């Protein structure tokens, strides 16, 4: 068996990192989180005040939801900062898993908030009463602007990072709720339908729950070391097996270190012996460009060792 030693590895592995494959830099996300938190704290105060004055369930519920979003944004930002902490001899992967846990917490927080909104809306449907529609519409329109801006700041980063996607969904959901409030207010002015306010709240809650379910499923999947979305393990196995000199591949695992960093371990059986570092460098480049796997650990074997997995995935 041939071993290759890399930085930070002690037991015969080559350990490579590929950087720059995850979109926007941390500074941009920090600004987006800071702006979003400040704007939403101010808006919660404005919305709660006018919601109380106008006696609007939609505004008060939206203010409560916005408050939960402030907590969600702070949680996501804290996780993003924690993920950038350097690894230590105690936490060898650092705190990258915090971003997965924050995405999971954000999904649960959003679902709980929508459940509370739906419950209150059902109760209000039984006894609808009119409110100050003009005030409601004005405040909700401000909410569309603020939440839309916050969502726009996080939109690009949400494409590659599940943690940022959770924060983005919160902001986009708030913009949708506020837009629904504007529509409900306009219809109330036109037709006097007091029951429309809670009905719109129910409809929007259902839409947001449907949209959040994917975030909950994905974050829970990653929390249990599932193969990240967009990575086909069978395709990865076939690609590794197709490399020059590789007779077989075993003990292959792919999982997420965080919401934007994917790791891989694999044993490659190469009867001709170790092909040199150039092979491993090319392998790491191929993994990051084809599969966005930026943290590979490869072990080279000549005859093939017994598979270390208790229940290995059957890919051959």
C-alpha atoms as a PDB file:
ATOM      1  CA  UNK A   1       0.000   0.000   0.000  1.00  0.00           C
ATOM      2  CA  UNK A   2       1.221   3.458  -0.868  1.00  0.00           C
ATOM      3  CA  UNK A   3       0.470   6.415   1.386  1.00  0.00           C
ATOM      4  CA  UNK A   4       0.536  10.100   0.568  1.00  0.00           C
ATOM      5  CA  UNK A   5       0.920  12.570   3.393  1.00  0.00           C
ATOM      6  CA  UNK A   6      -0.672  15.996   3.175  1.00  0.00           C
ATOM      7  CA  UNK A   7      -0.970  18.944   5.594  1.00  0.00           C
ATOM      8  CA  UNK A   8      -2.963  18.024   8.655  1.00  0.00           C
ATOM      9  CA  UNK A   9      -3.079  14.291   7.850  1.00  0.00           C
ATOM     10  CA  UNK A  10      -1.217  11.614   9.761  1.00  0.00           C
ATOM     11  CA  UNK A  11      -2.386   8.255   8.499  1.00  0.00           C
ATOM     12  CA  UNK A  12      -1.575   7.898   4.855  1.00  0.00           C
ATOM     13  CA  UNK A  13      -3.979  10.210   3.116  1.00  0.00           C
ATOM     14  CA  UNK A  14      -3.689  13.058   0.691  1.00  0.00           C
ATOM     15  CA  UNK A  15      -5.720  15.941   2.007  1.00  0.00           C
ATOM     16  CA  UNK A  16      -6.525  18.760  -0.411  1.00  0.00           C
ATOM     17  CA  UNK A  17      -8.483  21.980  -0.284  1.00  0.00           C
ATOM     18  CA  UNK A  18      -9.938  23.944  -3.131  1.00  0.00           C
ATOM     19  CA  UNK A  19     -10.951  27.528  -2.529  1.00  0.00           C
ATOM     20  CA  UNK A  20     -12.961  30.136  -4.318  1.00  0.00           C
ATOM     21  CA  UNK A  21     -15.795  27.907  -5.430  1.00  0.00           C
ATOM     22  CA  UNK A  22     -18.464  29.244  -3.186  1.00  0.00           C
ATOM     23  CA  UNK A  23     -19.584  32.512  -4.701  1.00  0.00           C
ATOM     24  CA  UNK A  24     -19.498  35.811  -2.906  1.00  0.00           C
ATOM     25  CA  UNK A  25     -17.017  36.637  -0.190  1.00  0.00           C
ATOM     26  CA  UNK A  26     -17.793  36.770   3.554  1.00  0.00           C
ATOM     27  CA  UNK A  27     -17.582  40.595   3.700  1.00  0.00           C
ATOM     28  CA  UNK A  28     -20.528  40.933   1.293  1.00  0.00           C
ATOM     29  CA  UNK A  29     -22.628  38.583   3.414  1.00  0.00           C
ATOM     30  CA  UNK A  30     -21.694  40.464   6.587  1.00  0.00           C
ATOM     31  CA  UNK A  31     -22.963  43.716   5.090  1.00  0.00           C
ATOM     32  CA  UNK A  32     -26.163  42.028   3.898  1.00  0.00           C
ATOM     33  CA  UNK A  33     -26.858  40.553   7.329  1.00  0.00           C
ATOM     34  CA  UNK A  34     -26.094  43.832   9.132  1.00  0.00           C
ATOM     35  CA  UNK A  35     -28.297  45.909   6.831  1.00  0.00           C
ATOM     36  CA  UNK A  36     -31.111  43.344   6.997  1.00  0.00           C
ATOM     37  CA  UNK A  37     -31.062  43.207  10.812  1.00  0.00           C
ATOM     38  CA  UNK A  38     -31.046  46.992  11.281  1.00  0.00           C
ATOM     39  CA  UNK A  39     -33.829  47.566   8.741  1.00  0.00           C
ATOM     40  CA  UNK A  40     -36.006  44.817  10.194  1.00  0.00           C
ATOM     41  CA  UNK A  41     -35.582  45.938  13.814  1.00  0.00           C
ATOM     42  CA  UNK A  42     -36.759  49.421  12.820  1.00  0.00           C
ATOM     43  CA  UNK A  43     -39.603  48.022  10.768  1.00  0.00           C
ATOM     44  CA  UNK A  44     -40.813  45.735  13.575  1.00  0.00           C
ATOM     45  CA  UNK A  45     -41.213  48.769  15.834  1.00  0.00           C
ATOM     46  CA  UNK A  46     -43.084  50.743  13.160  1.00  0.00           C
ATOM     47  CA  UNK A  47     -45.293  47.827  12.141  1.00  0.00           C
ATOM     48  CA  UNK A  48     -46.203  46.791  15.690  1.00  0.00           C
ATOM     49  CA  UNK A  49     -47.171  50.368  16.594  1.00  0.00           C
ATOM     50  CA  UNK A  50     -49.364  50.944  13.560  1.00  0.00           C
ATOM     51  CA  UNK A  51     -50.773  47.424  13.708  1.00  0.00           C
ATOM     52  CA  UNK A  52     -51.940  48.088  17.256  1.00  0.00           C
ATOM     53  CA  UNK A  53     -53.367  51.481  16.286  1.00  0.00           C
ATOM     54  CA  UNK A  54     -55.131  50.089  13.206  1.00  0.00           C
ATOM     55  CA  UNK A  55     -56.208  46.862  14.980  1.00  0.00           C
ATOM     56  CA  UNK A  56     -54.899  44.777  12.052  1.00  0.00           C
ATOM     57  CA  UNK A  57     -54.159  41.113  12.619  1.00  0.00           C
ATOM     58  CA  UNK A  58     -52.138  40.986   9.417  1.00  0.00           C
ATOM     59  CA  UNK A  59     -49.860  43.837  10.531  1.00  0.00           C
ATOM     60  CA  UNK A  60     -49.436  42.534  14.086  1.00  0.00           C
ATOM     61  CA  UNK A  61     -48.776  38.999  12.857  1.00  0.00           C
ATOM     62  CA  UNK A  62     -46.328  40.295  10.295  1.00  0.00           C
ATOM     63  CA  UNK A  63     -44.558  42.321  12.996  1.00  0.00           C
ATOM     64  CA  UNK A  64     -44.212  39.181  15.089  1.00  0.00           C
ATOM     65  CA  UNK A  65     -42.932  37.285  12.103  1.00  0.00           C
ATOM     66  CA  UNK A  66     -40.461  40.057  11.340  1.00  0.00           C
ATOM     67  CA  UNK A  67     -39.212  39.818  14.913  1.00  0.00           C
ATOM     68  CA  UNK A  68     -38.589  36.122  14.412  1.00  0.00           C
ATOM     69  CA  UNK A  69     -36.735  37.027  11.225  1.00  0.00           C
ATOM     70  CA  UNK A  70     -34.439  39.346  13.150  1.00  0.00           C
ATOM     71  CA  UNK A  71     -33.574  36.364  15.329  1.00  0.00           C
ATOM     72  CA  UNK A  72     -33.212  34.216  12.217  1.00  0.00           C
ATOM     73  CA  UNK A  73     -30.894  36.711  10.535  1.00  0.00           C
ATOM     74  CA  UNK A  74     -28.796  37.018  13.694  1.00  0.00           C
ATOM     75  CA  UNK A  75     -28.632  33.220  13.939  1.00  0.00           C
ATOM     76  CA  UNK A  76     -27.597  32.842  10.299  1.00  0.00           C
ATOM     77  CA  UNK A  77     -24.995  35.607  10.588  1.00  0.00           C
ATOM     78  CA  UNK A  78     -23.585  34.103  13.781  1.00  0.00           C
ATOM     79  CA  UNK A  79     -23.318  30.724  12.097  1.00  0.00           C
ATOM     80  CA  UNK A  80     -21.598  32.252   9.063  1.00  0.00           C
ATOM     81  CA  UNK A  81     -19.073  33.957  11.348  1.00  0.00           C
ATOM     82  CA  UNK A  82     -18.564  30.748  13.343  1.00  0.00           C
ATOM     83  CA  UNK A  83     -17.937  28.785  10.145  1.00  0.00           C
ATOM     84  CA  UNK A  84     -14.981  31.074   9.385  1.00  0.00           C
ATOM     85  CA  UNK A  85     -13.233  30.297  12.656  1.00  0.00           C
ATOM     86  CA  UNK A  86      -9.987  28.391  12.183  1.00  0.00           C
ATOM     87  CA  UNK A  87      -9.909  24.697  13.086  1.00  0.00           C
ATOM     88  CA  UNK A  88      -8.204  23.706  16.330  1.00  0.00           C
ATOM     89  CA  UNK A  89      -6.753  20.480  17.729  1.00  0.00           C
ATOM     90  CA  UNK A  90     -10.095  19.999  19.515  1.00  0.00           C
ATOM     91  CA  UNK A  91     -12.388  20.948  16.613  1.00  0.00           C
ATOM     92  CA  UNK A  92     -10.441  19.833  13.561  1.00  0.00           C
ATOM     93  CA  UNK A  93     -13.141  20.973  11.125  1.00  0.00           C
ATOM     94  CA  UNK A  94     -13.754  24.224  12.987  1.00  0.00           C
ATOM     95  CA  UNK A  95     -17.365  25.384  13.412  1.00  0.00           C
ATOM     96  CA  UNK A  96     -18.600  24.865   9.852  1.00  0.00           C
ATOM     97  CA  UNK A  97     -21.445  22.630  11.006  1.00  0.00           C
ATOM     98  CA  UNK A  98     -22.959  25.700  12.711  1.00  0.00           C
ATOM     99  CA  UNK A  99     -24.227  26.910   9.340  1.00  0.00           C
ATOM    100  CA  UNK A 100     -26.182  23.667   8.830  1.00  0.00           C
ATOM    101  CA  UNK A 101     -27.686  23.868  12.311  1.00  0.00           C
ATOM    102  CA  UNK A 102     -28.606  27.529  11.745  1.00  0.00           C
ATOM    103  CA  UNK A 103     -30.391  26.652   8.488  1.00  0.00           C
ATOM    104  CA  UNK A 104     -32.305  23.912  10.321  1.00  0.00           C
ATOM    105  CA  UNK A 105     -33.188  26.283  13.182  1.00  0.00           C
ATOM    106  CA  UNK A 106     -34.330  28.942  10.701  1.00  0.00           C
ATOM    107  CA  UNK A 107     -36.618  26.466   8.958  1.00  0.00           C
ATOM    108  CA  UNK A 108     -38.170  25.402  12.268  1.00  0.00           C
ATOM    109  CA  UNK A 109     -38.501  29.032  13.407  1.00  0.00           C
ATOM    110  CA  UNK A 110     -40.275  30.006  10.204  1.00  0.00           C
ATOM    111  CA  UNK A 111     -42.668  27.041  10.392  1.00  0.00           C
ATOM    112  CA  UNK A 112     -43.533  27.818  14.023  1.00  0.00           C
ATOM    113  CA  UNK A 113     -44.162  31.478  13.159  1.00  0.00           C
ATOM    114  CA  UNK A 114     -46.464  30.505  10.300  1.00  0.00           C
ATOM    115  CA  UNK A 115     -48.308  28.060  12.550  1.00  0.00           C
ATOM    116  CA  UNK A 116     -48.965  30.835  15.070  1.00  0.00           C
ATOM    117  CA  UNK A 117     -50.122  33.133  12.272  1.00  0.00           C
ATOM    118  CA  UNK A 118     -52.494  30.486  10.892  1.00  0.00           C
ATOM    119  CA  UNK A 119     -53.978  29.783  14.332  1.00  0.00           C
ATOM    120  CA  UNK A 120     -54.687  33.446  14.982  1.00  0.00           C
ATOM    121  CA  UNK A 121     -56.124  33.882  11.488  1.00  0.00           C
ATOM    122  CA  UNK A 122     -58.543  30.976  11.961  1.00  0.00           C
ATOM    123  CA  UNK A 123     -59.738  32.471  15.242  1.00  0.00           C
ATOM    124  CA  UNK A 124     -60.160  35.911  13.625  1.00  0.00           C
ATOM    125  CA  UNK A 125     -62.146  34.442  10.728  1.00  0.00           C
ATOM    126  CA  UNK A 126     -64.923  33.605  13.177  1.00  0.00           C
ATOM    127  CA  UNK A 127     -65.256  37.247  14.196  1.00  0.00           C
ATOM    128  CA  UNK A 128     -63.818  39.542  11.516  1.00  0.00           C
ATOM    129  CA  UNK A 129     -63.820  43.274  12.177  1.00  0.00           C
ATOM    130  CA  UNK A 130     -62.718  46.259  10.105  1.00  0.00           C
ATOM    131  CA  UNK A 131     -59.521  48.220  10.616  1.00  0.00           C
ATOM    132  CA  UNK A 132     -57.748  51.257   9.262  1.00  0.00           C
ATOM    133  CA  UNK A 133     -57.063  49.955   5.760  1.00  0.00           C
ATOM    134  CA  UNK A 134     -55.102  53.009   4.595  1.00  0.00           C
ATOM    135  CA  UNK A 135     -52.655  52.764   7.506  1.00  0.00           C
ATOM    136  CA  UNK A 136     -52.349  49.018   7.022  1.00  0.00           C
ATOM    137  CA  UNK A 137     -51.573  49.404   3.332  1.00  0.00           C
ATOM    138  CA  UNK A 138     -48.990  52.145   3.901  1.00  0.00           C
ATOM    139  CA  UNK A 139     -47.079  50.197   6.546  1.00  0.00           C
ATOM    140  CA  UNK A 140     -47.268  46.963   4.558  1.00  0.00           C
ATOM    141  CA  UNK A 141     -45.956  48.740   1.452  1.00  0.00           C
ATOM    142  CA  UNK A 142     -42.958  49.873   3.509  1.00  0.00           C
ATOM    143  CA  UNK A 143     -42.522  46.227   4.512  1.00  0.00           C
ATOM    144  CA  UNK A 144     -42.458  45.132   0.892  1.00  0.00           C
ATOM    145  CA  UNK A 145     -39.652  47.628   0.261  1.00  0.00           C
ATOM    146  CA  UNK A 146     -37.564  46.744   3.319  1.00  0.00           C
ATOM    147  CA  UNK A 147     -37.959  42.982   3.096  1.00  0.00           C
ATOM    148  CA  UNK A 148     -37.490  43.003  -0.661  1.00  0.00           C
ATOM    149  CA  UNK A 149     -34.231  44.927  -0.266  1.00  0.00           C
ATOM    150  CA  UNK A 150     -33.021  42.550   2.466  1.00  0.00           C
ATOM    151  CA  UNK A 151     -33.865  39.538   0.298  1.00  0.00           C
ATOM    152  CA  UNK A 152     -32.109  41.065  -2.722  1.00  0.00           C
ATOM    153  CA  UNK A 153     -28.908  41.504  -0.692  1.00  0.00           C
ATOM    154  CA  UNK A 154     -28.941  37.794   0.182  1.00  0.00           C
ATOM    155  CA  UNK A 155     -30.240  36.418  -3.117  1.00  0.00           C
ATOM    156  CA  UNK A 156     -26.966  35.596  -4.849  1.00  0.00           C
ATOM    157  CA  UNK A 157     -25.377  33.976  -1.801  1.00  0.00           C
ATOM    158  CA  UNK A 158     -28.495  31.837  -1.301  1.00  0.00           C
ATOM    159  CA  UNK A 159     -27.733  29.906  -4.493  1.00  0.00           C
ATOM    160  CA  UNK A 160     -24.701  28.146  -2.982  1.00  0.00           C
ATOM    161  CA  UNK A 161     -25.187  28.310   0.793  1.00  0.00           C
ATOM    162  CA  UNK A 162     -28.122  26.683   2.585  1.00  0.00           C
ATOM    163  CA  UNK A 163     -27.632  28.875   5.651  1.00  0.00           C
ATOM    164  CA  UNK A 164     -27.918  32.068   3.595  1.00  0.00           C
ATOM    165  CA  UNK A 165     -30.822  30.515   1.697  1.00  0.00           C
ATOM    166  CA  UNK A 166     -32.683  30.171   4.995  1.00  0.00           C
ATOM    167  CA  UNK A 167     -32.184  33.870   5.742  1.00  0.00           C
ATOM    168  CA  UNK A 168     -33.166  34.762   2.175  1.00  0.00           C
ATOM    169  CA  UNK A 169     -36.387  32.738   2.435  1.00  0.00           C
ATOM    170  CA  UNK A 170     -37.271  34.591   5.626  1.00  0.00           C
ATOM    171  CA  UNK A 171     -36.888  37.953   3.924  1.00  0.00           C
ATOM    172  CA  UNK A 172     -38.679  36.861   0.762  1.00  0.00           C
ATOM    173  CA  UNK A 173     -41.508  35.389   2.844  1.00  0.00           C
ATOM    174  CA  UNK A 174     -41.903  38.667   4.710  1.00  0.00           C
ATOM    175  CA  UNK A 175     -42.046  40.598   1.458  1.00  0.00           C
ATOM    176  CA  UNK A 176     -44.786  38.229   0.270  1.00  0.00           C
ATOM    177  CA  UNK A 177     -46.764  38.605   3.500  1.00  0.00           C
ATOM    178  CA  UNK A 178     -46.536  42.399   3.288  1.00  0.00           C
ATOM    179  CA  UNK A 179     -47.606  42.342  -0.355  1.00  0.00           C
ATOM    180  CA  UNK A 180     -50.612  40.236   0.608  1.00  0.00           C
ATOM    181  CA  UNK A 181     -51.521  42.744   3.303  1.00  0.00           C
ATOM    182  CA  UNK A 182     -51.456  45.558   0.726  1.00  0.00           C
ATOM    183  CA  UNK A 183     -53.759  43.571  -1.537  1.00  0.00           C
ATOM    184  CA  UNK A 184     -56.133  42.723   1.303  1.00  0.00           C
ATOM    185  CA  UNK A 185     -56.301  46.389   2.317  1.00  0.00           C
ATOM    186  CA  UNK A 186     -57.091  47.493  -1.228  1.00  0.00           C
ATOM    187  CA  UNK A 187     -59.914  44.949  -1.545  1.00  0.00           C
ATOM    188  CA  UNK A 188     -61.295  45.976   1.826  1.00  0.00           C
ATOM    189  CA  UNK A 189     -61.445  49.603   0.688  1.00  0.00           C
ATOM    190  CA  UNK A 190     -63.157  48.557  -2.534  1.00  0.00           C
ATOM    191  CA  UNK A 191     -65.665  46.016  -1.203  1.00  0.00           C
ATOM    192  CA  UNK A 192     -65.626  46.239   2.618  1.00  0.00           C
ATOM    193  CA  UNK A 193     -64.555  42.607   3.060  1.00  0.00           C
ATOM    194  CA  UNK A 194     -63.309  42.536   6.664  1.00  0.00           C
ATOM    195  CA  UNK A 195     -62.863  38.754   6.518  1.00  0.00           C
ATOM    196  CA  UNK A 196     -60.231  39.115   3.787  1.00  0.00           C
ATOM    197  CA  UNK A 197     -57.456  40.142   6.202  1.00  0.00           C
ATOM    198  CA  UNK A 198     -57.312  36.780   8.088  1.00  0.00           C
ATOM    199  CA  UNK A 199     -58.034  34.823   4.903  1.00  0.00           C
ATOM    200  CA  UNK A 200     -55.047  36.380   3.128  1.00  0.00           C
ATOM    201  CA  UNK A 201     -52.911  35.627   6.213  1.00  0.00           C
ATOM    202  CA  UNK A 202     -53.935  31.955   6.001  1.00  0.00           C
ATOM    203  CA  UNK A 203     -53.186  31.728   2.288  1.00  0.00           C
ATOM    204  CA  UNK A 204     -49.761  33.322   2.662  1.00  0.00           C
ATOM    205  CA  UNK A 205     -48.909  31.103   5.637  1.00  0.00           C
ATOM    206  CA  UNK A 206     -49.702  28.037   3.522  1.00  0.00           C
ATOM    207  CA  UNK A 207     -47.475  29.284   0.686  1.00  0.00           C
ATOM    208  CA  UNK A 208     -44.573  29.993   3.036  1.00  0.00           C
ATOM    209  CA  UNK A 209     -44.876  26.591   4.737  1.00  0.00           C
ATOM    210  CA  UNK A 210     -44.745  24.927   1.327  1.00  0.00           C
ATOM    211  CA  UNK A 211     -41.654  26.919   0.398  1.00  0.00           C
ATOM    212  CA  UNK A 212     -39.928  26.314   3.733  1.00  0.00           C
ATOM    213  CA  UNK A 213     -40.425  22.556   3.672  1.00  0.00           C
ATOM    214  CA  UNK A 214     -37.544  22.139   1.229  1.00  0.00           C
ATOM    215  CA  UNK A 215     -35.199  24.100   3.504  1.00  0.00           C
ATOM    216  CA  UNK A 216     -36.183  21.927   6.465  1.00  0.00           C
ATOM    217  CA  UNK A 217     -35.690  18.727   4.488  1.00  0.00           C
ATOM    218  CA  UNK A 218     -32.300  19.761   3.074  1.00  0.00           C
ATOM    219  CA  UNK A 219     -30.892  21.093   6.346  1.00  0.00           C
ATOM    220  CA  UNK A 220     -32.026  17.977   8.237  1.00  0.00           C
ATOM    221  CA  UNK A 221     -30.481  15.822   5.504  1.00  0.00           C
ATOM    222  CA  UNK A 222     -27.124  17.609   5.822  1.00  0.00           C
ATOM    223  CA  UNK A 223     -27.259  17.503   9.613  1.00  0.00           C
ATOM    224  CA  UNK A 224     -27.191  13.704   9.359  1.00  0.00           C
ATOM    225  CA  UNK A 225     -24.256  13.720   6.885  1.00  0.00           C
ATOM    226  CA  UNK A 226     -26.392  13.095   3.813  1.00  0.00           C
ATOM    227  CA  UNK A 227     -24.855  13.552   0.368  1.00  0.00           C
ATOM    228  CA  UNK A 228     -25.351  17.257  -0.494  1.00  0.00           C
ATOM    229  CA  UNK A 229     -27.943  18.202  -3.080  1.00  0.00           C
ATOM    230  CA  UNK A 230     -26.420  18.395  -6.561  1.00  0.00           C
ATOM    231  CA  UNK A 231     -23.805  15.703  -5.900  1.00  0.00           C
ATOM    232  CA  UNK A 232     -24.493  12.328  -7.522  1.00  0.00           C
ATOM    233  CA  UNK A 233     -22.525   9.717  -5.552  1.00  0.00           C
ATOM    234  CA  UNK A 234     -22.783   7.166  -8.369  1.00  0.00           C
ATOM    235  CA  UNK A 235     -21.391   9.711 -10.831  1.00  0.00           C
ATOM    236  CA  UNK A 236     -18.551  10.621  -8.452  1.00  0.00           C
ATOM    237  CA  UNK A 237     -17.700   6.935  -8.041  1.00  0.00           C
ATOM    238  CA  UNK A 238     -17.713   6.362 -11.809  1.00  0.00           C
ATOM    239  CA  UNK A 239     -15.515   9.418 -12.406  1.00  0.00           C
ATOM    240  CA  UNK A 240     -12.946   8.305  -9.823  1.00  0.00           C
ATOM    241  CA  UNK A 241     -12.987   4.777 -11.254  1.00  0.00           C
ATOM    242  CA  UNK A 242     -12.310   6.182 -14.749  1.00  0.00           C
ATOM    243  CA  UNK A 243      -9.067   7.868 -13.720  1.00  0.00           C
ATOM    244  CA  UNK A 244      -5.840   6.407 -15.233  1.00  0.00           C
ATOM    245  CA  UNK A 245      -4.455   3.499 -13.218  1.00  0.00           C
ATOM    246  CA  UNK A 246      -7.492   3.129 -10.920  1.00  0.00           C
ATOM    247  CA  UNK A 247      -8.741  -0.460 -10.775  1.00  0.00           C
ATOM    248  CA  UNK A 248     -11.478   0.086  -8.181  1.00  0.00           C
ATOM    249  CA  UNK A 249     -12.853   2.569  -5.664  1.00  0.00           C
ATOM    250  CA  UNK A 250     -14.131   1.764  -2.195  1.00  0.00           C
ATOM    251  CA  UNK A 251     -14.866   3.393   1.161  1.00  0.00           C
ATOM    252  CA  UNK A 252     -16.302   6.403  -0.693  1.00  0.00           C
ATOM    253  CA  UNK A 253     -18.104   9.018   1.401  1.00  0.00           C
ATOM    254  CA  UNK A 254     -19.367  12.487   0.510  1.00  0.00           C
ATOM    255  CA  UNK A 255     -20.878  14.837   3.080  1.00  0.00           C
ATOM    256  CA  UNK A 256     -21.186  18.533   3.927  1.00  0.00           C
ATOM    257  CA  UNK A 257     -18.807  20.124   6.403  1.00  0.00           C
ATOM    258  CA  UNK A 258     -21.019  23.204   6.313  1.00  0.00           C
ATOM    259  CA  UNK A 259     -23.619  24.697   4.028  1.00  0.00           C
ATOM    260  CA  UNK A 260     -21.019  25.670   1.415  1.00  0.00           C
ATOM    261  CA  UNK A 261     -18.156  23.184   1.848  1.00  0.00           C
ATOM    262  CA  UNK A 262     -18.338  19.564   0.689  1.00  0.00           C
ATOM    263  CA  UNK A 263     -15.917  16.849   1.804  1.00  0.00           C
ATOM    264  CA  UNK A 264     -15.003  13.473   0.307  1.00  0.00           C
ATOM    265  CA  UNK A 265     -13.015  10.461   1.422  1.00  0.00           C
ATOM    266  CA  UNK A 266     -12.166   7.581  -0.902  1.00  0.00           C
ATOM    267  CA  UNK A 267      -9.773   4.644  -1.257  1.00  0.00           C
ATOM    268  CA  UNK A 268      -8.391   4.154  -4.778  1.00  0.00           C
ATOM    269  CA  UNK A 269      -6.897   0.765  -5.657  1.00  0.00           C
ATOM    270  CA  UNK A 270      -4.004   1.386  -8.087  1.00  0.00           C
ATOM    271  CA  UNK A 271      -1.956  -1.818  -8.745  1.00  0.00           C
ATOM    272  CA  UNK A 272       0.850   0.108 -10.475  1.00  0.00           C
ATOM    273  CA  UNK A 273       1.524   2.064  -7.313  1.00  0.00           C
ATOM    274  CA  UNK A 274       1.246   5.688  -6.405  1.00  0.00           C
ATOM    275  CA  UNK A 275       1.229   7.894  -9.535  1.00  0.00           C
ATOM    276  CA  UNK A 276       2.665  11.015  -7.873  1.00  0.00           C
ATOM    277  CA  UNK A 277       1.369  14.280  -6.497  1.00  0.00           C
ATOM    278  CA  UNK A 278       0.457  15.634  -9.941  1.00  0.00           C
ATOM    279  CA  UNK A 279      -2.245  12.949 -10.174  1.00  0.00           C
ATOM    280  CA  UNK A 280      -3.700  13.952  -6.809  1.00  0.00           C
ATOM    281  CA  UNK A 281      -3.645  17.652  -7.674  1.00  0.00           C
ATOM    282  CA  UNK A 282      -5.474  16.959 -10.943  1.00  0.00           C
ATOM    283  CA  UNK A 283      -7.936  14.765  -9.036  1.00  0.00           C
ATOM    284  CA  UNK A 284      -8.675  17.550  -6.540  1.00  0.00           C
ATOM    285  CA  UNK A 285      -9.144  20.072  -9.370  1.00  0.00           C
ATOM    286  CA  UNK A 286     -11.526  17.727 -11.150  1.00  0.00           C
ATOM    287  CA  UNK A 287     -13.577  17.123  -8.014  1.00  0.00           C
ATOM    288  CA  UNK A 288     -14.048  20.809  -7.264  1.00  0.00           C
ATOM    289  CA  UNK A 289     -14.874  21.800 -10.850  1.00  0.00           C
ATOM    290  CA  UNK A 290     -17.124  18.837 -11.713  1.00  0.00           C
ATOM    291  CA  UNK A 291     -18.811  18.240  -8.360  1.00  0.00           C
ATOM    292  CA  UNK A 292     -18.002  21.291  -6.185  1.00  0.00           C
ATOM    293  CA  UNK A 293     -16.227  19.007  -3.719  1.00  0.00           C
ATOM    294  CA  UNK A 294     -13.517  21.203  -2.223  1.00  0.00           C
ATOM    295  CA  UNK A 295     -12.205  19.033   0.625  1.00  0.00           C
ATOM    296  CA  UNK A 296     -11.052  15.631  -0.730  1.00  0.00           C
ATOM    297  CA  UNK A 297      -9.054  13.046   1.220  1.00  0.00           C
ATOM    298  CA  UNK A 298      -7.705  10.220  -0.972  1.00  0.00           C
ATOM    299  CA  UNK A 299      -5.965   7.013   0.080  1.00  0.00           C
ATOM    300  CA  UNK A 300      -3.974   5.069  -2.526  1.00  0.00           C
ATOM    301  CA  UNK A 301      -3.744   1.275  -2.213  1.00  0.00           C
ATOM    302  CA  UNK A 302      -1.909  -1.268  -4.358  1.00  0.00           C
ATOM    303  CA  UNK A 303      -3.812  -4.472  -3.560  1.00  0.00           C
ATOM    304  CA  UNK A 304      -6.860  -3.045  -1.849  1.00  0.00           C
ATOM    305  CA  UNK A 305      -7.530  -3.149   1.862  1.00  0.00           C
ATOM    306  CA  UNK A 306     -10.712  -4.439   3.484  1.00  0.00           C
ATOM    307  CA  UNK A 307     -13.434  -1.799   3.265  1.00  0.00           C
ATOM    308  CA  UNK A 308     -13.611   0.170   6.485  1.00  0.00           C
ATOM    309  CA  UNK A 309     -17.368   0.752   6.172  1.00  0.00           C
ATOM    310  CA  UNK A 310     -19.707  -1.339   8.300  1.00  0.00           C
ATOM    311  CA  UNK A 311     -22.349  -1.139   5.573  1.00  0.00           C
ATOM    312  CA  UNK A 312     -20.650   0.189   2.449  1.00  0.00           C
ATOM    313  CA  UNK A 313     -22.741   1.675  -0.332  1.00  0.00           C
ATOM    314  CA  UNK A 314     -22.814  -0.684  -3.306  1.00  0.00           C
ATOM    315  CA  UNK A 315     -21.828   1.394  -6.309  1.00  0.00           C
ATOM    316  CA  UNK A 316     -20.015  -1.132  -8.501  1.00  0.00           C
END
